[in-house]
N, C-alpha and C. Protein backbone atom coordinates (compact mmCIF):
# COMPACT_ATOMS: atom_id res chain seq x y z
N MET A 1 53.15 -53.74 128.66
CA MET A 1 52.98 -53.23 130.02
C MET A 1 53.08 -54.39 130.99
N ALA A 2 54.16 -54.48 131.75
CA ALA A 2 54.42 -55.61 132.63
C ALA A 2 53.71 -55.44 133.97
N LEU A 3 53.08 -56.52 134.42
CA LEU A 3 52.48 -56.57 135.74
C LEU A 3 53.16 -57.68 136.53
N PRO A 4 53.18 -57.59 137.88
CA PRO A 4 53.79 -58.66 138.67
C PRO A 4 53.07 -59.98 138.46
N ALA A 5 53.77 -61.07 138.71
CA ALA A 5 53.23 -62.40 138.41
C ALA A 5 51.96 -62.70 139.19
N ASN A 6 51.80 -62.09 140.38
CA ASN A 6 50.64 -62.40 141.21
C ASN A 6 49.45 -61.48 140.93
N VAL A 7 49.54 -60.64 139.90
CA VAL A 7 48.44 -59.75 139.55
C VAL A 7 48.02 -60.02 138.11
N SER A 8 46.73 -60.20 137.89
CA SER A 8 46.20 -60.46 136.55
C SER A 8 45.30 -59.30 136.14
N PHE A 9 45.26 -59.03 134.84
CA PHE A 9 44.56 -57.86 134.31
C PHE A 9 43.77 -58.30 133.08
N TYR A 10 42.45 -57.99 133.05
CA TYR A 10 41.58 -58.43 131.96
C TYR A 10 40.63 -57.31 131.56
N ASN A 11 40.28 -57.28 130.27
CA ASN A 11 39.19 -56.43 129.78
C ASN A 11 37.98 -57.32 129.58
N LEU A 12 36.98 -57.19 130.45
CA LEU A 12 35.79 -58.05 130.37
C LEU A 12 34.88 -57.66 129.23
N ALA A 13 35.11 -56.49 128.63
CA ALA A 13 34.28 -56.04 127.50
C ALA A 13 35.11 -55.96 126.22
N GLU A 14 36.03 -56.89 126.06
CA GLU A 14 36.89 -56.93 124.88
C GLU A 14 36.04 -56.94 123.61
N GLY A 15 36.33 -56.02 122.69
CA GLY A 15 35.59 -55.94 121.45
C GLY A 15 34.35 -55.07 121.53
N GLY A 16 34.02 -54.59 122.71
CA GLY A 16 32.84 -53.75 122.89
C GLY A 16 33.15 -52.28 122.73
N MET A 17 32.12 -51.46 122.90
CA MET A 17 32.26 -50.02 122.73
C MET A 17 33.13 -49.39 123.80
N SER A 18 33.08 -49.93 125.01
CA SER A 18 33.80 -49.33 126.14
C SER A 18 34.39 -50.42 127.01
N ALA A 19 35.65 -50.27 127.39
CA ALA A 19 36.35 -51.30 128.15
C ALA A 19 35.84 -51.41 129.59
N SER A 20 36.04 -52.59 130.16
CA SER A 20 35.74 -52.85 131.57
C SER A 20 36.91 -53.65 132.11
N TYR A 21 37.74 -53.01 132.93
CA TYR A 21 39.01 -53.61 133.34
C TYR A 21 38.89 -54.28 134.71
N LEU A 22 39.29 -55.55 134.75
CA LEU A 22 39.32 -56.31 136.00
C LEU A 22 40.77 -56.53 136.39
N ILE A 23 41.12 -56.11 137.61
CA ILE A 23 42.46 -56.29 138.14
C ILE A 23 42.35 -57.25 139.33
N VAL A 24 43.08 -58.36 139.27
CA VAL A 24 42.95 -59.42 140.27
C VAL A 24 44.27 -59.59 141.01
N GLY A 25 44.20 -59.46 142.32
CA GLY A 25 45.36 -59.68 143.17
C GLY A 25 45.26 -60.98 143.92
N ASP A 26 46.10 -61.15 144.95
CA ASP A 26 46.10 -62.38 145.73
C ASP A 26 44.83 -62.55 146.56
N LYS A 27 44.30 -61.42 147.07
CA LYS A 27 43.19 -61.49 148.03
C LYS A 27 41.86 -61.03 147.46
N ALA A 28 41.89 -60.14 146.48
CA ALA A 28 40.66 -59.51 146.01
C ALA A 28 40.84 -59.02 144.58
N ALA A 29 39.74 -58.53 144.02
CA ALA A 29 39.76 -57.99 142.66
C ALA A 29 39.05 -56.65 142.64
N LEU A 30 39.40 -55.83 141.68
CA LEU A 30 38.75 -54.54 141.49
C LEU A 30 38.35 -54.42 140.03
N LEU A 31 37.10 -54.03 139.79
CA LEU A 31 36.57 -53.86 138.44
C LEU A 31 36.39 -52.38 138.17
N VAL A 32 37.01 -51.90 137.09
CA VAL A 32 36.90 -50.51 136.69
C VAL A 32 35.87 -50.40 135.57
N ASP A 33 34.67 -49.91 135.90
CA ASP A 33 33.55 -49.75 134.96
C ASP A 33 32.98 -51.12 134.53
N THR A 34 31.79 -51.08 133.94
CA THR A 34 31.16 -52.33 133.48
C THR A 34 30.75 -52.28 132.01
N GLY A 35 31.25 -51.29 131.27
CA GLY A 35 31.04 -51.28 129.84
C GLY A 35 29.70 -50.73 129.40
N ALA A 36 29.46 -50.86 128.10
CA ALA A 36 28.29 -50.26 127.45
C ALA A 36 27.10 -51.21 127.33
N GLY A 37 27.29 -52.46 127.71
CA GLY A 37 26.20 -53.42 127.59
C GLY A 37 26.11 -54.08 126.24
N ASP A 38 27.07 -53.82 125.35
CA ASP A 38 27.05 -54.46 124.03
C ASP A 38 27.79 -55.80 124.03
N ILE A 39 28.36 -56.17 125.17
CA ILE A 39 28.88 -57.51 125.38
C ILE A 39 27.80 -58.31 126.08
N ASP A 40 27.53 -59.52 125.61
CA ASP A 40 26.47 -60.35 126.18
C ASP A 40 26.61 -60.44 127.71
N GLU A 41 25.50 -60.23 128.41
CA GLU A 41 25.53 -60.22 129.87
C GLU A 41 26.04 -61.54 130.45
N ALA A 42 25.60 -62.65 129.88
CA ALA A 42 26.04 -63.95 130.37
C ALA A 42 27.55 -64.13 130.19
N ALA A 43 28.06 -63.65 129.04
CA ALA A 43 29.50 -63.75 128.78
C ALA A 43 30.28 -62.86 129.74
N PHE A 44 29.75 -61.66 130.00
CA PHE A 44 30.39 -60.74 130.94
C PHE A 44 30.47 -61.39 132.33
N SER A 45 29.35 -61.92 132.78
CA SER A 45 29.30 -62.54 134.12
C SER A 45 30.20 -63.77 134.20
N SER A 46 30.22 -64.54 133.12
CA SER A 46 31.06 -65.74 133.08
C SER A 46 32.53 -65.38 133.16
N SER A 47 32.94 -64.34 132.43
CA SER A 47 34.34 -63.90 132.46
C SER A 47 34.72 -63.38 133.84
N LEU A 48 33.81 -62.64 134.46
CA LEU A 48 34.07 -62.13 135.81
C LEU A 48 34.32 -63.28 136.77
N LYS A 49 33.46 -64.29 136.71
CA LYS A 49 33.60 -65.46 137.59
C LYS A 49 34.87 -66.24 137.27
N LYS A 50 35.17 -66.37 135.99
CA LYS A 50 36.35 -67.12 135.56
C LYS A 50 37.63 -66.51 136.10
N TYR A 51 37.75 -65.19 136.01
CA TYR A 51 39.00 -64.53 136.35
C TYR A 51 39.10 -64.14 137.83
N ALA A 52 37.98 -63.77 138.43
CA ALA A 52 38.00 -63.37 139.84
C ALA A 52 37.83 -64.55 140.77
N GLY A 53 37.21 -65.61 140.28
CA GLY A 53 36.96 -66.78 141.12
C GLY A 53 36.08 -66.41 142.31
N ASP A 54 36.48 -66.84 143.49
CA ASP A 54 35.71 -66.55 144.70
C ASP A 54 36.21 -65.30 145.44
N LYS A 55 37.14 -64.60 144.85
CA LYS A 55 37.66 -63.40 145.50
C LYS A 55 36.62 -62.27 145.46
N PRO A 56 36.53 -61.47 146.51
CA PRO A 56 35.59 -60.35 146.50
C PRO A 56 35.98 -59.33 145.42
N VAL A 57 34.95 -58.79 144.75
CA VAL A 57 35.17 -57.83 143.67
C VAL A 57 34.60 -56.47 144.07
N THR A 58 35.43 -55.44 144.03
CA THR A 58 35.00 -54.07 144.27
C THR A 58 34.80 -53.39 142.92
N LEU A 59 33.64 -52.74 142.73
CA LEU A 59 33.34 -52.04 141.49
C LEU A 59 33.58 -50.55 141.67
N VAL A 60 34.47 -50.00 140.82
CA VAL A 60 34.79 -48.57 140.84
C VAL A 60 34.39 -47.97 139.50
N THR A 61 33.79 -46.79 139.54
CA THR A 61 33.26 -46.12 138.36
C THR A 61 34.14 -44.92 138.01
N THR A 62 34.68 -44.89 136.78
CA THR A 62 35.51 -43.75 136.40
C THR A 62 34.66 -42.49 136.23
N HIS A 63 33.41 -42.65 135.75
CA HIS A 63 32.46 -41.55 135.62
C HIS A 63 31.11 -42.15 135.25
N LEU A 64 30.05 -41.35 135.42
CA LEU A 64 28.70 -41.93 135.32
C LEU A 64 28.04 -41.73 133.96
N HIS A 65 28.71 -42.07 132.89
CA HIS A 65 28.06 -42.11 131.59
C HIS A 65 27.60 -43.54 131.31
N GLN A 66 26.50 -43.65 130.58
CA GLN A 66 25.84 -44.94 130.40
C GLN A 66 26.74 -46.01 129.77
N ASP A 67 27.67 -45.60 128.92
CA ASP A 67 28.52 -46.60 128.27
C ASP A 67 29.61 -47.13 129.19
N HIS A 68 29.56 -46.75 130.47
CA HIS A 68 30.51 -47.27 131.46
C HIS A 68 29.80 -47.96 132.63
N THR A 69 28.48 -47.98 132.62
CA THR A 69 27.74 -48.46 133.80
C THR A 69 26.67 -49.51 133.47
N ALA A 70 26.73 -50.11 132.29
CA ALA A 70 25.64 -50.98 131.84
C ALA A 70 25.36 -52.15 132.79
N TYR A 71 26.41 -52.75 133.32
CA TYR A 71 26.23 -53.92 134.18
C TYR A 71 26.47 -53.63 135.66
N HIS A 72 26.42 -52.37 136.04
CA HIS A 72 26.49 -52.03 137.46
C HIS A 72 25.39 -52.71 138.26
N ARG A 73 24.25 -52.91 137.62
CA ARG A 73 23.10 -53.51 138.31
C ARG A 73 23.36 -54.95 138.77
N LEU A 74 24.42 -55.56 138.29
CA LEU A 74 24.77 -56.92 138.71
C LEU A 74 25.50 -56.94 140.04
N PHE A 75 25.83 -55.75 140.56
CA PHE A 75 26.61 -55.64 141.79
C PHE A 75 25.78 -54.98 142.89
N PRO A 76 25.94 -55.40 144.14
CA PRO A 76 25.15 -54.80 145.23
C PRO A 76 25.53 -53.36 145.53
N GLU A 77 26.77 -52.98 145.19
CA GLU A 77 27.21 -51.62 145.45
C GLU A 77 28.31 -51.24 144.47
N TYR A 78 28.52 -49.94 144.31
CA TYR A 78 29.58 -49.46 143.44
C TYR A 78 30.13 -48.16 144.01
N TYR A 79 31.37 -47.86 143.70
CA TYR A 79 32.01 -46.62 144.10
C TYR A 79 32.02 -45.63 142.95
N MET A 80 31.82 -44.34 143.27
CA MET A 80 31.99 -43.28 142.29
C MET A 80 32.32 -41.99 143.05
N HIS A 81 32.79 -41.00 142.31
CA HIS A 81 33.05 -39.70 142.92
C HIS A 81 31.72 -38.96 143.09
N PRO A 82 31.46 -38.35 144.25
CA PRO A 82 30.19 -37.67 144.48
C PRO A 82 29.86 -36.58 143.46
N ALA A 83 30.86 -35.95 142.88
CA ALA A 83 30.62 -34.86 141.94
C ALA A 83 29.89 -35.31 140.69
N ASP A 84 29.89 -36.62 140.41
CA ASP A 84 29.21 -37.13 139.21
C ASP A 84 27.77 -37.53 139.47
N HIS A 85 27.31 -37.46 140.70
CA HIS A 85 25.96 -37.92 141.00
C HIS A 85 24.91 -37.13 140.23
N ALA A 86 25.18 -35.87 139.97
CA ALA A 86 24.21 -35.02 139.27
C ALA A 86 24.03 -35.40 137.81
N ILE A 87 24.98 -36.15 137.24
CA ILE A 87 24.86 -36.51 135.82
C ILE A 87 24.46 -37.98 135.65
N LEU A 88 23.98 -38.60 136.71
CA LEU A 88 23.55 -39.99 136.64
C LEU A 88 22.57 -40.18 135.50
N GLN A 89 22.88 -41.12 134.60
CA GLN A 89 22.03 -41.40 133.45
C GLN A 89 21.32 -42.74 133.66
N GLY A 90 20.00 -42.68 133.81
CA GLY A 90 19.25 -43.90 134.04
C GLY A 90 19.36 -44.36 135.48
N GLU A 91 18.79 -45.51 135.76
CA GLU A 91 18.77 -46.04 137.11
C GLU A 91 19.83 -47.13 137.27
N ILE A 92 20.54 -47.12 138.39
CA ILE A 92 21.47 -48.18 138.74
C ILE A 92 20.96 -48.82 140.02
N ALA A 93 20.59 -50.08 139.91
CA ALA A 93 19.93 -50.75 141.04
C ALA A 93 20.95 -51.32 142.02
N SER A 94 21.79 -50.46 142.54
CA SER A 94 22.76 -50.86 143.55
C SER A 94 23.13 -49.64 144.38
N VAL A 95 23.82 -49.86 145.46
CA VAL A 95 24.12 -48.81 146.43
C VAL A 95 25.39 -48.07 146.02
N TYR A 96 25.31 -46.75 146.04
CA TYR A 96 26.47 -45.90 145.70
C TYR A 96 27.30 -45.60 146.95
N LYS A 97 28.63 -45.73 146.82
CA LYS A 97 29.56 -45.38 147.88
C LYS A 97 30.54 -44.34 147.33
N PRO A 98 30.85 -43.29 148.09
CA PRO A 98 31.68 -42.20 147.57
C PRO A 98 33.16 -42.55 147.48
N LEU A 99 33.79 -42.06 146.42
CA LEU A 99 35.24 -42.14 146.26
C LEU A 99 35.86 -40.80 146.64
N SER A 100 37.10 -40.84 147.10
CA SER A 100 37.81 -39.60 147.41
C SER A 100 39.25 -39.71 146.95
N GLU A 101 39.86 -38.56 146.72
CA GLU A 101 41.26 -38.49 146.30
C GLU A 101 42.16 -39.23 147.27
N GLY A 102 43.01 -40.11 146.75
CA GLY A 102 43.95 -40.83 147.58
C GLY A 102 43.41 -42.10 148.21
N GLN A 103 42.11 -42.35 148.08
CA GLN A 103 41.53 -43.59 148.62
C GLN A 103 42.21 -44.78 147.95
N SER A 104 42.50 -45.83 148.73
CA SER A 104 43.23 -46.96 148.17
C SER A 104 42.49 -48.28 148.40
N PHE A 105 42.82 -49.24 147.55
CA PHE A 105 42.25 -50.59 147.61
C PHE A 105 43.40 -51.59 147.52
N ASP A 106 43.57 -52.38 148.58
CA ASP A 106 44.64 -53.37 148.64
C ASP A 106 44.08 -54.71 148.17
N LEU A 107 44.57 -55.17 147.01
CA LEU A 107 44.08 -56.42 146.43
C LEU A 107 44.94 -57.62 146.82
N GLY A 108 46.04 -57.35 147.52
CA GLY A 108 47.01 -58.39 147.80
C GLY A 108 48.00 -58.47 146.66
N GLY A 109 49.18 -57.92 146.88
CA GLY A 109 50.18 -57.90 145.83
C GLY A 109 50.14 -56.65 144.97
N VAL A 110 49.09 -55.90 145.07
CA VAL A 110 48.98 -54.63 144.36
C VAL A 110 48.03 -53.72 145.12
N VAL A 111 48.38 -52.45 145.20
CA VAL A 111 47.53 -51.44 145.82
C VAL A 111 47.13 -50.44 144.75
N LEU A 112 45.84 -50.18 144.63
CA LEU A 112 45.31 -49.24 143.65
C LEU A 112 44.81 -48.00 144.36
N GLU A 113 45.07 -46.84 143.76
CA GLU A 113 44.77 -45.55 144.39
C GLU A 113 43.88 -44.71 143.49
N ILE A 114 42.95 -43.99 144.08
CA ILE A 114 42.04 -43.13 143.33
C ILE A 114 42.67 -41.76 143.13
N VAL A 115 42.62 -41.30 141.88
CA VAL A 115 43.14 -39.98 141.51
C VAL A 115 42.01 -39.18 140.86
N GLY A 116 41.71 -38.02 141.41
CA GLY A 116 40.69 -37.17 140.82
C GLY A 116 41.16 -36.57 139.50
N LEU A 117 40.34 -36.72 138.45
CA LEU A 117 40.69 -36.23 137.12
C LEU A 117 39.49 -35.53 136.48
N PRO A 118 39.03 -34.43 137.04
CA PRO A 118 37.87 -33.75 136.47
C PRO A 118 38.19 -33.16 135.10
N GLY A 119 37.13 -32.98 134.32
CA GLY A 119 37.28 -32.38 133.00
C GLY A 119 36.30 -32.94 132.00
N HIS A 120 36.32 -34.24 131.81
CA HIS A 120 35.31 -34.90 130.97
C HIS A 120 33.96 -34.83 131.67
N THR A 121 33.97 -35.13 132.94
CA THR A 121 32.84 -34.89 133.85
C THR A 121 33.42 -34.33 135.14
N PRO A 122 32.58 -33.73 136.01
CA PRO A 122 33.10 -33.16 137.25
C PRO A 122 33.77 -34.18 138.17
N GLY A 123 33.27 -35.42 138.14
CA GLY A 123 33.77 -36.44 139.05
C GLY A 123 34.59 -37.53 138.40
N SER A 124 35.12 -37.29 137.22
CA SER A 124 35.97 -38.30 136.57
C SER A 124 37.17 -38.62 137.46
N ILE A 125 37.50 -39.92 137.53
CA ILE A 125 38.64 -40.36 138.34
C ILE A 125 39.50 -41.33 137.54
N GLY A 126 40.72 -41.53 138.03
CA GLY A 126 41.60 -42.57 137.52
C GLY A 126 41.90 -43.57 138.61
N VAL A 127 42.25 -44.79 138.21
CA VAL A 127 42.64 -45.84 139.16
C VAL A 127 44.11 -46.13 138.91
N LEU A 128 44.94 -45.77 139.88
CA LEU A 128 46.39 -45.73 139.73
C LEU A 128 47.07 -46.91 140.42
N ASP A 129 48.00 -47.52 139.70
CA ASP A 129 48.92 -48.50 140.28
C ASP A 129 50.31 -47.87 140.24
N ARG A 130 50.70 -47.24 141.34
CA ARG A 130 51.98 -46.52 141.37
C ARG A 130 53.15 -47.46 141.16
N ALA A 131 53.09 -48.62 141.79
CA ALA A 131 54.23 -49.54 141.73
C ALA A 131 54.50 -50.03 140.31
N ASN A 132 53.44 -50.20 139.54
CA ASN A 132 53.58 -50.75 138.19
C ASN A 132 53.41 -49.70 137.10
N ARG A 133 53.25 -48.43 137.51
CA ARG A 133 53.36 -47.26 136.63
C ARG A 133 52.31 -47.23 135.52
N TYR A 134 51.06 -47.56 135.88
CA TYR A 134 49.96 -47.38 134.94
C TYR A 134 48.75 -46.83 135.68
N ILE A 135 47.82 -46.26 134.92
CA ILE A 135 46.59 -45.73 135.50
C ILE A 135 45.44 -45.96 134.53
N CYS A 136 44.31 -46.43 135.03
CA CYS A 136 43.08 -46.55 134.25
C CYS A 136 42.40 -45.19 134.26
N THR A 137 42.18 -44.61 133.09
CA THR A 137 41.76 -43.22 133.01
C THR A 137 40.34 -43.00 132.51
N GLY A 138 39.56 -44.05 132.32
CA GLY A 138 38.19 -43.85 131.83
C GLY A 138 38.21 -43.16 130.49
N ASP A 139 37.51 -42.02 130.37
CA ASP A 139 37.45 -41.27 129.11
C ASP A 139 38.34 -40.03 129.11
N MET A 140 39.18 -39.88 130.11
CA MET A 140 40.00 -38.67 130.17
C MET A 140 41.17 -38.70 129.19
N VAL A 141 41.64 -39.88 128.85
CA VAL A 141 42.71 -40.03 127.87
C VAL A 141 42.21 -40.92 126.75
N CYS A 142 42.46 -40.50 125.50
CA CYS A 142 41.98 -41.27 124.36
C CYS A 142 42.80 -40.91 123.14
N SER A 143 43.15 -41.92 122.34
CA SER A 143 43.88 -41.66 121.11
C SER A 143 42.97 -41.08 120.03
N GLY A 144 41.65 -41.16 120.26
CA GLY A 144 40.69 -40.58 119.34
C GLY A 144 40.04 -39.35 119.94
N THR A 145 38.74 -39.17 119.68
CA THR A 145 38.05 -37.99 120.17
C THR A 145 37.35 -38.27 121.50
N ILE A 146 37.28 -37.25 122.34
CA ILE A 146 36.69 -37.35 123.67
C ILE A 146 35.40 -36.54 123.70
N PHE A 147 34.32 -37.13 124.19
CA PHE A 147 33.05 -36.41 124.33
C PHE A 147 33.21 -35.31 125.37
N MET A 148 32.84 -34.10 125.00
CA MET A 148 32.85 -32.97 125.93
C MET A 148 31.46 -32.34 125.87
N VAL A 149 30.64 -32.67 126.85
CA VAL A 149 29.22 -32.33 126.86
C VAL A 149 28.99 -31.07 127.69
N ASP A 150 28.31 -30.09 127.12
CA ASP A 150 27.99 -28.86 127.85
C ASP A 150 27.25 -29.20 129.14
N GLY A 151 27.62 -28.51 130.21
CA GLY A 151 27.01 -28.75 131.51
C GLY A 151 27.71 -29.84 132.31
N GLN A 152 28.62 -30.58 131.66
CA GLN A 152 29.37 -31.64 132.34
C GLN A 152 30.87 -31.43 132.22
N CYS A 153 31.33 -30.96 131.06
CA CYS A 153 32.76 -30.84 130.82
C CYS A 153 33.29 -29.48 131.28
N ASN A 154 34.60 -29.43 131.45
CA ASN A 154 35.28 -28.18 131.74
C ASN A 154 36.68 -28.28 131.14
N PHE A 155 36.95 -27.48 130.12
CA PHE A 155 38.22 -27.59 129.40
C PHE A 155 39.42 -27.20 130.26
N ASP A 156 39.26 -26.21 131.13
CA ASP A 156 40.37 -25.82 132.00
C ASP A 156 40.69 -26.94 132.99
N ASP A 157 39.65 -27.54 133.58
CA ASP A 157 39.87 -28.68 134.47
C ASP A 157 40.52 -29.84 133.72
N PHE A 158 40.08 -30.06 132.48
CA PHE A 158 40.61 -31.14 131.66
C PHE A 158 42.12 -30.96 131.47
N ALA A 159 42.55 -29.76 131.08
CA ALA A 159 43.97 -29.49 130.87
C ALA A 159 44.76 -29.67 132.16
N ALA A 160 44.18 -29.22 133.29
CA ALA A 160 44.86 -29.38 134.59
C ALA A 160 45.01 -30.86 134.95
N SER A 161 44.01 -31.66 134.62
CA SER A 161 44.09 -33.10 134.89
C SER A 161 45.15 -33.77 134.03
N MET A 162 45.31 -33.31 132.79
CA MET A 162 46.37 -33.84 131.94
C MET A 162 47.74 -33.54 132.54
N ASP A 163 47.91 -32.33 133.04
CA ASP A 163 49.16 -31.96 133.69
C ASP A 163 49.40 -32.83 134.92
N LYS A 164 48.34 -33.10 135.65
CA LYS A 164 48.43 -33.96 136.84
C LYS A 164 48.89 -35.36 136.46
N LEU A 165 48.33 -35.90 135.38
CA LEU A 165 48.73 -37.24 134.92
C LEU A 165 50.20 -37.28 134.54
N LEU A 166 50.67 -36.24 133.89
CA LEU A 166 52.07 -36.19 133.46
C LEU A 166 53.03 -36.18 134.64
N LYS A 167 52.56 -35.72 135.79
CA LYS A 167 53.42 -35.61 136.98
C LYS A 167 53.31 -36.81 137.92
N LEU A 168 52.49 -37.80 137.56
CA LEU A 168 52.27 -38.94 138.46
C LEU A 168 53.41 -39.96 138.43
N GLY A 169 54.23 -39.92 137.40
CA GLY A 169 55.30 -40.90 137.30
C GLY A 169 54.87 -42.22 136.68
N VAL A 170 53.77 -42.20 135.93
CA VAL A 170 53.31 -43.42 135.26
C VAL A 170 53.83 -43.44 133.82
N ASP A 171 53.79 -44.62 133.21
CA ASP A 171 54.21 -44.77 131.82
C ASP A 171 53.02 -44.81 130.86
N ASN A 172 51.95 -45.50 131.29
CA ASN A 172 50.84 -45.75 130.39
C ASN A 172 49.49 -45.46 131.01
N CYS A 173 48.55 -45.09 130.14
CA CYS A 173 47.15 -44.93 130.51
C CYS A 173 46.35 -46.07 129.89
N LEU A 174 45.50 -46.69 130.69
CA LEU A 174 44.60 -47.73 130.21
C LEU A 174 43.27 -47.06 129.89
N CYS A 175 42.88 -47.04 128.63
CA CYS A 175 41.76 -46.24 128.16
C CYS A 175 40.55 -47.11 127.87
N CYS A 176 39.38 -46.49 127.82
CA CYS A 176 38.14 -47.23 127.59
C CYS A 176 37.69 -47.22 126.14
N HIS A 177 38.21 -46.30 125.32
CA HIS A 177 37.83 -46.21 123.92
C HIS A 177 39.08 -46.11 123.05
N ALA A 178 38.93 -46.44 121.76
CA ALA A 178 40.05 -46.40 120.80
C ALA A 178 41.18 -47.29 121.30
N ASP A 179 42.44 -46.83 121.26
CA ASP A 179 43.56 -47.67 121.71
C ASP A 179 43.45 -47.95 123.21
N SER A 180 43.64 -49.21 123.58
CA SER A 180 43.52 -49.58 124.99
C SER A 180 44.64 -49.01 125.83
N VAL A 181 45.86 -49.04 125.30
CA VAL A 181 47.03 -48.56 126.03
C VAL A 181 47.59 -47.34 125.30
N VAL A 182 47.65 -46.21 126.00
CA VAL A 182 48.15 -44.97 125.43
C VAL A 182 49.27 -44.45 126.33
N PRO A 183 50.46 -44.19 125.79
CA PRO A 183 51.53 -43.63 126.62
C PRO A 183 51.10 -42.32 127.26
N VAL A 184 51.51 -42.12 128.50
CA VAL A 184 51.08 -40.93 129.24
C VAL A 184 51.53 -39.64 128.56
N VAL A 185 52.58 -39.71 127.75
CA VAL A 185 53.06 -38.52 127.06
C VAL A 185 51.98 -37.94 126.14
N HIS A 186 50.98 -38.76 125.76
CA HIS A 186 49.88 -38.27 124.92
C HIS A 186 49.11 -37.14 125.62
N CYS A 187 49.20 -37.08 126.94
CA CYS A 187 48.52 -36.01 127.68
C CYS A 187 49.04 -34.63 127.26
N LYS A 188 50.30 -34.55 126.82
CA LYS A 188 50.81 -33.28 126.31
C LYS A 188 50.03 -32.85 125.07
N GLN A 189 49.74 -33.82 124.21
CA GLN A 189 48.96 -33.52 123.01
C GLN A 189 47.56 -33.05 123.39
N GLN A 190 46.99 -33.67 124.42
CA GLN A 190 45.63 -33.30 124.82
C GLN A 190 45.59 -31.91 125.45
N ILE A 191 46.65 -31.51 126.13
CA ILE A 191 46.75 -30.14 126.63
C ILE A 191 46.80 -29.17 125.45
N GLN A 192 47.59 -29.52 124.44
CA GLN A 192 47.66 -28.68 123.25
C GLN A 192 46.32 -28.63 122.53
N ASN A 193 45.61 -29.76 122.53
CA ASN A 193 44.29 -29.79 121.88
C ASN A 193 43.32 -28.80 122.53
N VAL A 194 43.40 -28.68 123.85
CA VAL A 194 42.54 -27.71 124.55
C VAL A 194 42.86 -26.30 124.08
N ALA A 195 44.14 -25.97 124.06
CA ALA A 195 44.55 -24.63 123.63
C ALA A 195 44.13 -24.37 122.19
N ASP A 196 44.31 -25.38 121.33
CA ASP A 196 43.96 -25.21 119.92
C ASP A 196 42.45 -25.14 119.71
N TYR A 197 41.71 -25.88 120.52
CA TYR A 197 40.24 -25.81 120.43
C TYR A 197 39.76 -24.40 120.78
N LYS A 198 40.30 -23.86 121.86
CA LYS A 198 39.89 -22.53 122.29
C LYS A 198 40.28 -21.47 121.25
N ALA A 199 41.39 -21.72 120.54
CA ALA A 199 41.86 -20.76 119.54
C ALA A 199 41.26 -21.00 118.16
N GLY A 200 40.40 -22.01 118.06
CA GLY A 200 39.78 -22.32 116.77
C GLY A 200 40.72 -22.95 115.77
N LYS A 201 41.76 -23.64 116.25
CA LYS A 201 42.77 -24.20 115.36
C LYS A 201 42.56 -25.68 115.05
N LEU A 202 41.67 -26.36 115.75
CA LEU A 202 41.40 -27.76 115.43
C LEU A 202 40.49 -27.83 114.20
N THR A 203 40.62 -28.91 113.45
CA THR A 203 39.81 -29.10 112.25
C THR A 203 38.40 -29.53 112.63
N GLU A 204 37.41 -28.78 112.21
CA GLU A 204 36.01 -29.10 112.54
C GLU A 204 35.39 -29.95 111.45
N GLY A 205 34.69 -30.98 111.87
CA GLY A 205 34.00 -31.86 110.93
C GLY A 205 32.66 -32.29 111.48
N PRO A 206 31.90 -33.10 110.70
CA PRO A 206 30.58 -33.55 111.14
C PRO A 206 30.66 -34.32 112.45
N GLY A 207 29.63 -34.15 113.27
CA GLY A 207 29.59 -34.82 114.55
C GLY A 207 29.14 -36.27 114.45
N MET A 208 28.76 -36.85 115.58
CA MET A 208 28.33 -38.24 115.66
C MET A 208 26.86 -38.28 116.07
N PHE A 209 26.22 -39.39 115.75
CA PHE A 209 24.83 -39.62 116.17
C PHE A 209 23.90 -38.52 115.68
N GLY A 210 24.24 -37.94 114.54
CA GLY A 210 23.34 -36.98 113.91
C GLY A 210 23.41 -35.56 114.40
N GLY A 211 24.46 -35.21 115.13
CA GLY A 211 24.53 -33.84 115.63
C GLY A 211 25.91 -33.46 116.11
N GLY A 212 26.07 -32.17 116.40
CA GLY A 212 27.32 -31.67 116.96
C GLY A 212 28.44 -31.61 115.94
N SER A 213 29.65 -31.42 116.44
CA SER A 213 30.84 -31.34 115.60
C SER A 213 32.00 -32.06 116.27
N VAL A 214 32.89 -32.58 115.45
CA VAL A 214 34.14 -33.18 115.93
C VAL A 214 35.27 -32.23 115.60
N PHE A 215 36.13 -31.98 116.57
CA PHE A 215 37.28 -31.09 116.41
C PHE A 215 38.54 -31.92 116.59
N THR A 216 39.34 -32.06 115.52
CA THR A 216 40.46 -32.99 115.56
C THR A 216 41.79 -32.31 115.27
N ALA A 217 42.83 -32.87 115.90
CA ALA A 217 44.21 -32.47 115.65
C ALA A 217 44.78 -33.36 114.54
N ALA A 218 45.99 -33.09 114.13
CA ALA A 218 46.61 -33.83 113.02
C ALA A 218 46.77 -35.32 113.34
N ASP A 219 46.92 -35.67 114.63
CA ASP A 219 47.10 -37.08 114.99
C ASP A 219 45.79 -37.83 115.15
N GLY A 220 44.65 -37.15 114.92
CA GLY A 220 43.34 -37.79 115.02
C GLY A 220 42.69 -37.68 116.37
N SER A 221 43.40 -37.16 117.36
CA SER A 221 42.79 -36.95 118.68
C SER A 221 42.04 -35.62 118.68
N GLY A 222 41.20 -35.42 119.67
CA GLY A 222 40.46 -34.18 119.76
C GLY A 222 39.21 -34.33 120.59
N PHE A 223 38.16 -33.61 120.21
CA PHE A 223 36.95 -33.55 121.02
C PHE A 223 35.69 -33.66 120.15
N PHE A 224 34.70 -34.36 120.68
CA PHE A 224 33.36 -34.33 120.09
C PHE A 224 32.49 -33.42 120.95
N ARG A 225 31.90 -32.43 120.33
CA ARG A 225 31.04 -31.46 121.03
C ARG A 225 29.61 -31.68 120.55
N PRO A 226 28.80 -32.44 121.31
CA PRO A 226 27.42 -32.73 120.87
C PRO A 226 26.60 -31.47 120.63
N GLY A 227 26.87 -30.40 121.38
CA GLY A 227 26.06 -29.19 121.23
C GLY A 227 26.64 -28.18 120.27
N ALA A 228 27.75 -28.51 119.63
CA ALA A 228 28.42 -27.54 118.75
C ALA A 228 27.72 -27.44 117.40
């Protein structure tokens, strides 16, 4: 995935449970999520300083699950979609600012745009770089299984968001779990997974963390249903 020479891209939570993507332009940087906290805090902070330098860093939240917000407390403020406020897990000691569809952030040399992608949670969003044809999708796209929690998920919204991604004109999705880079064409498989889940055609197996069920397609993608 090629980026322009004046834009740098890093995963500050490399090797951890959930990715934290830092995009650095000429004038500023934008951080997408802060990971699960399984990366040493000092190492996380050191990497942020190393790659962003003295440039201002804007923190954007793809959705408010704990494995994406562990180090939000290190920042004075963060952006998220208002629809996710109801599912806030734990306390985040910083100021929340609302995100909206089409909102943009100019980093100098690259402009990033917010795309609403409800389904995994009501306020899930993507961070889109139209010029370079990629989007950071949080947990909405995954080569493995996606958590779909009762009271937060919506399968119809999820399928509609996949269709939206396919029409954006991007090549790749930058994901937080399993494979880091997933071709956007995988969204077709995820639409099919929704239809197959509803029809009882996905393979059901034991869940994770001692409960629920995993429903998988032949390629290993699918859904984890904690309440199933």
